[in-house]
N, C-alpha and C. Protein backbone atom coordinates (compact mmCIF):
# COMPACT_ATOMS: atom_id res chain seq x y z
N UNK A 1 62.94 41.28 215.58
CA UNK A 1 62.79 41.90 214.27
C UNK A 1 62.71 43.48 214.48
N UNK A 2 63.31 44.16 213.55
CA UNK A 2 63.28 45.65 213.64
C UNK A 2 62.07 46.16 212.95
N UNK A 3 61.42 47.13 213.64
CA UNK A 3 60.21 47.77 213.06
C UNK A 3 60.49 49.26 212.93
N UNK A 4 59.82 49.92 212.00
CA UNK A 4 60.00 51.36 211.78
C UNK A 4 59.08 52.08 212.80
N UNK A 5 59.43 52.04 214.04
CA UNK A 5 58.69 52.70 215.09
C UNK A 5 59.30 54.01 215.60
N UNK A 6 60.36 54.45 214.88
CA UNK A 6 61.05 55.63 215.40
C UNK A 6 61.15 56.76 214.35
N UNK A 7 60.19 56.82 213.42
CA UNK A 7 60.12 57.87 212.53
C UNK A 7 59.71 59.19 213.19
N UNK A 8 60.20 60.27 212.63
CA UNK A 8 59.73 61.62 213.17
C UNK A 8 58.48 62.01 212.35
N UNK A 9 57.73 62.94 212.78
CA UNK A 9 56.49 63.34 212.20
C UNK A 9 56.68 63.74 210.74
N UNK A 10 57.62 64.59 210.46
CA UNK A 10 57.84 65.09 209.10
C UNK A 10 58.18 63.98 208.12
N UNK A 11 59.03 63.08 208.57
CA UNK A 11 59.39 61.89 207.70
C UNK A 11 58.17 61.08 207.34
N UNK A 12 57.38 60.82 208.38
CA UNK A 12 56.09 60.08 208.15
C UNK A 12 55.21 60.79 207.15
N UNK A 13 54.99 62.10 207.41
CA UNK A 13 54.14 62.89 206.51
C UNK A 13 54.72 62.86 205.07
N UNK A 14 56.04 63.02 204.95
CA UNK A 14 56.66 63.01 203.61
C UNK A 14 56.42 61.64 202.86
N UNK A 15 56.60 60.59 203.61
CA UNK A 15 56.37 59.23 203.02
C UNK A 15 54.88 59.08 202.63
N UNK A 16 53.99 59.43 203.49
CA UNK A 16 52.56 59.22 203.23
C UNK A 16 52.03 60.11 202.14
N UNK A 17 52.56 61.32 202.02
CA UNK A 17 52.13 62.27 200.94
C UNK A 17 52.59 61.82 199.55
N UNK A 18 53.57 60.94 199.50
CA UNK A 18 53.92 60.30 198.22
C UNK A 18 52.86 59.46 197.67
N UNK A 19 52.01 58.95 198.57
CA UNK A 19 50.94 57.99 198.20
C UNK A 19 49.54 58.68 198.21
N UNK A 20 49.35 59.49 199.25
CA UNK A 20 48.02 60.10 199.43
C UNK A 20 48.15 61.60 199.42
N UNK A 21 47.10 62.22 198.90
CA UNK A 21 47.08 63.65 198.82
C UNK A 21 46.03 64.30 199.81
N UNK A 22 45.44 63.44 200.65
CA UNK A 22 44.38 63.90 201.47
C UNK A 22 44.56 63.51 202.95
N UNK A 23 45.82 63.65 203.40
CA UNK A 23 46.10 63.23 204.80
C UNK A 23 45.99 64.45 205.73
N UNK A 24 45.59 64.15 206.96
CA UNK A 24 45.60 65.10 208.09
C UNK A 24 46.85 64.75 208.87
N UNK A 25 47.78 65.67 208.88
CA UNK A 25 49.13 65.38 209.48
C UNK A 25 49.00 64.97 210.93
N UNK A 26 48.20 65.68 211.74
CA UNK A 26 48.08 65.37 213.16
C UNK A 26 47.36 64.04 213.36
N UNK A 27 46.27 63.74 212.64
CA UNK A 27 45.63 62.50 212.72
C UNK A 27 46.51 61.37 212.31
N UNK A 28 47.25 61.51 211.26
CA UNK A 28 48.21 60.51 210.78
C UNK A 28 49.24 60.25 211.84
N UNK A 29 49.80 61.29 212.45
CA UNK A 29 50.85 61.12 213.45
C UNK A 29 50.31 60.41 214.70
N UNK A 30 49.07 60.73 215.14
CA UNK A 30 48.49 60.12 216.24
C UNK A 30 48.27 58.62 216.01
N UNK A 31 47.88 58.30 214.82
CA UNK A 31 47.65 56.85 214.45
C UNK A 31 49.01 56.12 214.49
N UNK A 32 50.02 56.81 213.93
CA UNK A 32 51.37 56.19 213.87
C UNK A 32 51.86 55.89 215.29
N UNK A 33 51.71 56.82 216.19
CA UNK A 33 52.18 56.67 217.58
C UNK A 33 51.43 55.49 218.21
N UNK A 34 50.10 55.49 218.03
CA UNK A 34 49.33 54.38 218.67
C UNK A 34 49.69 53.04 218.10
N UNK A 35 49.82 52.93 216.80
CA UNK A 35 50.17 51.67 216.20
C UNK A 35 51.66 51.26 216.57
N UNK A 36 52.52 52.21 216.54
CA UNK A 36 53.92 51.89 216.94
C UNK A 36 54.00 51.36 218.33
N UNK A 37 53.28 51.98 219.25
CA UNK A 37 53.27 51.56 220.65
C UNK A 37 52.70 50.12 220.72
N UNK A 38 51.58 49.86 220.03
CA UNK A 38 50.94 48.57 220.05
C UNK A 38 51.87 47.48 219.49
N UNK A 39 52.58 47.84 218.42
CA UNK A 39 53.52 46.82 217.83
C UNK A 39 54.76 46.68 218.70
N UNK A 40 55.31 47.74 219.19
CA UNK A 40 56.52 47.69 219.99
C UNK A 40 56.29 46.85 221.23
N UNK A 41 55.08 46.91 221.83
CA UNK A 41 54.84 46.20 223.10
C UNK A 41 53.90 44.98 222.87
N UNK A 42 53.60 44.67 221.64
CA UNK A 42 52.69 43.61 221.38
C UNK A 42 53.35 42.24 221.42
N UNK A 43 52.52 41.26 221.66
CA UNK A 43 52.95 39.87 221.59
C UNK A 43 53.11 39.45 220.13
N UNK A 44 53.82 38.39 219.84
CA UNK A 44 53.90 37.91 218.45
C UNK A 44 52.54 37.72 217.79
N UNK A 45 51.59 37.20 218.53
CA UNK A 45 50.22 37.02 218.04
C UNK A 45 49.55 38.33 217.66
N UNK A 46 49.76 39.35 218.49
CA UNK A 46 49.19 40.63 218.18
C UNK A 46 49.82 41.28 216.95
N UNK A 47 51.11 41.13 216.83
CA UNK A 47 51.82 41.66 215.69
C UNK A 47 51.32 40.92 214.39
N UNK A 48 51.11 39.63 214.51
CA UNK A 48 50.57 38.86 213.36
C UNK A 48 49.23 39.37 212.93
N UNK A 49 48.37 39.78 213.89
CA UNK A 49 47.11 40.34 213.58
C UNK A 49 47.25 41.62 212.76
N UNK A 50 48.20 42.50 213.21
CA UNK A 50 48.46 43.69 212.40
C UNK A 50 48.90 43.34 211.00
N UNK A 51 49.78 42.37 210.87
CA UNK A 51 50.24 41.94 209.52
C UNK A 51 49.12 41.46 208.67
N UNK A 52 48.16 40.71 209.30
CA UNK A 52 47.01 40.13 208.55
C UNK A 52 46.13 41.29 208.06
N UNK A 53 46.10 42.39 208.79
CA UNK A 53 45.25 43.54 208.36
C UNK A 53 45.68 44.04 206.96
N UNK A 54 46.92 43.92 206.65
CA UNK A 54 47.42 44.46 205.36
C UNK A 54 46.93 43.66 204.19
N UNK A 55 46.37 42.49 204.46
CA UNK A 55 45.89 41.67 203.33
C UNK A 55 44.36 41.69 203.24
N UNK A 56 43.70 42.56 204.03
CA UNK A 56 42.22 42.57 204.03
C UNK A 56 41.70 43.05 202.68
N UNK A 57 40.67 42.36 202.10
CA UNK A 57 40.04 42.92 200.92
C UNK A 57 39.01 43.95 201.34
N UNK A 58 38.32 44.52 200.40
CA UNK A 58 37.37 45.62 200.70
C UNK A 58 36.24 45.15 201.64
N UNK A 59 35.76 43.92 201.41
CA UNK A 59 34.72 43.42 202.27
C UNK A 59 35.21 43.28 203.75
N UNK A 60 36.39 42.81 203.93
CA UNK A 60 36.97 42.63 205.24
C UNK A 60 37.27 43.96 205.87
N UNK A 61 37.71 44.93 205.08
CA UNK A 61 37.92 46.30 205.62
C UNK A 61 36.61 46.90 206.11
N UNK A 62 35.55 46.70 205.36
CA UNK A 62 34.24 47.18 205.74
C UNK A 62 33.82 46.56 207.11
N UNK A 63 34.02 45.24 207.14
CA UNK A 63 33.63 44.53 208.38
C UNK A 63 34.46 45.08 209.58
N UNK A 64 35.73 45.30 209.35
CA UNK A 64 36.61 45.86 210.42
C UNK A 64 36.15 47.28 210.79
N UNK A 65 35.77 48.09 209.80
CA UNK A 65 35.24 49.45 210.12
C UNK A 65 33.97 49.35 210.99
N UNK A 66 33.16 48.42 210.72
CA UNK A 66 31.90 48.20 211.55
C UNK A 66 32.28 47.79 212.96
N UNK A 67 33.24 46.89 213.10
CA UNK A 67 33.70 46.48 214.39
C UNK A 67 34.25 47.71 215.19
N UNK A 68 35.05 48.53 214.51
CA UNK A 68 35.61 49.72 215.16
C UNK A 68 34.49 50.67 215.51
N UNK A 69 33.48 50.80 214.62
CA UNK A 69 32.40 51.72 214.89
C UNK A 69 31.62 51.30 216.13
N UNK A 70 31.43 50.02 216.29
CA UNK A 70 30.77 49.46 217.47
C UNK A 70 31.53 49.84 218.78
N UNK A 71 32.83 50.04 218.59
CA UNK A 71 33.66 50.42 219.77
C UNK A 71 33.74 51.93 219.89
N UNK A 72 33.04 52.67 219.04
CA UNK A 72 33.00 54.12 219.13
C UNK A 72 34.07 54.79 218.28
N UNK A 73 34.73 54.05 217.44
CA UNK A 73 35.78 54.65 216.59
C UNK A 73 35.25 54.64 215.16
N UNK A 74 34.87 55.81 214.69
CA UNK A 74 34.40 55.93 213.34
C UNK A 74 35.48 56.25 212.35
N UNK A 75 35.66 55.46 211.39
CA UNK A 75 36.70 55.61 210.33
C UNK A 75 36.12 55.64 208.91
N UNK A 76 36.63 56.51 208.14
CA UNK A 76 36.18 56.50 206.74
C UNK A 76 37.01 55.44 205.97
N UNK A 77 36.51 55.04 204.79
CA UNK A 77 37.32 54.12 204.07
C UNK A 77 38.70 54.58 203.81
N UNK A 78 38.90 55.85 203.58
CA UNK A 78 40.21 56.42 203.29
C UNK A 78 41.09 56.38 204.56
N UNK A 79 40.52 56.58 205.72
CA UNK A 79 41.29 56.49 206.97
C UNK A 79 41.73 55.03 207.22
N UNK A 80 40.92 54.07 206.79
CA UNK A 80 41.31 52.66 206.92
C UNK A 80 42.54 52.42 206.04
N UNK A 81 42.48 52.94 204.82
CA UNK A 81 43.65 52.80 203.91
C UNK A 81 44.92 53.41 204.56
N UNK A 82 44.79 54.64 205.13
CA UNK A 82 45.90 55.22 205.82
C UNK A 82 46.44 54.38 206.92
N UNK A 83 45.53 53.84 207.71
CA UNK A 83 45.84 53.03 208.87
C UNK A 83 46.64 51.81 208.40
N UNK A 84 46.15 51.14 207.33
CA UNK A 84 46.80 49.94 206.83
C UNK A 84 48.19 50.34 206.28
N UNK A 85 48.28 51.47 205.60
CA UNK A 85 49.62 51.91 205.07
C UNK A 85 50.57 52.11 206.19
N UNK A 86 50.10 52.65 207.29
CA UNK A 86 51.04 52.88 208.48
C UNK A 86 51.49 51.53 209.04
N UNK A 87 50.59 50.58 209.16
CA UNK A 87 50.98 49.24 209.61
C UNK A 87 52.03 48.67 208.63
N UNK A 88 51.77 48.75 207.36
CA UNK A 88 52.74 48.28 206.35
C UNK A 88 54.10 48.95 206.52
N UNK A 89 54.10 50.24 206.73
CA UNK A 89 55.36 50.99 206.88
C UNK A 89 56.10 50.54 208.14
N UNK A 90 55.40 50.38 209.26
CA UNK A 90 56.02 50.00 210.48
C UNK A 90 56.59 48.57 210.40
N UNK A 91 55.79 47.69 209.79
CA UNK A 91 56.25 46.28 209.76
C UNK A 91 57.20 46.01 208.60
N UNK A 92 57.33 47.00 207.72
CA UNK A 92 58.26 46.81 206.56
C UNK A 92 57.63 45.91 205.52
N UNK A 93 56.38 45.92 205.41
CA UNK A 93 55.68 45.04 204.38
C UNK A 93 55.61 45.75 203.07
């Protein structure tokens, strides 16, 4: 399957600013690179986990934020939305 893992930074920013007005370009790009690498090199099961993230409701997103915080990664609710949108973009969802 083909994934959108080869966008340049400006294209990504252009796409995301159509939806969000509060993005940090560098933070967004770093997340895109990390997620792209994980999907490009991930197993089918790992890619399925990414796909399942796109269907999380607010309660599940909060639980995921807590799990990430326990690992030392603090995310705001808006950052979670950005992250999920990046996954959707890469997977073509």
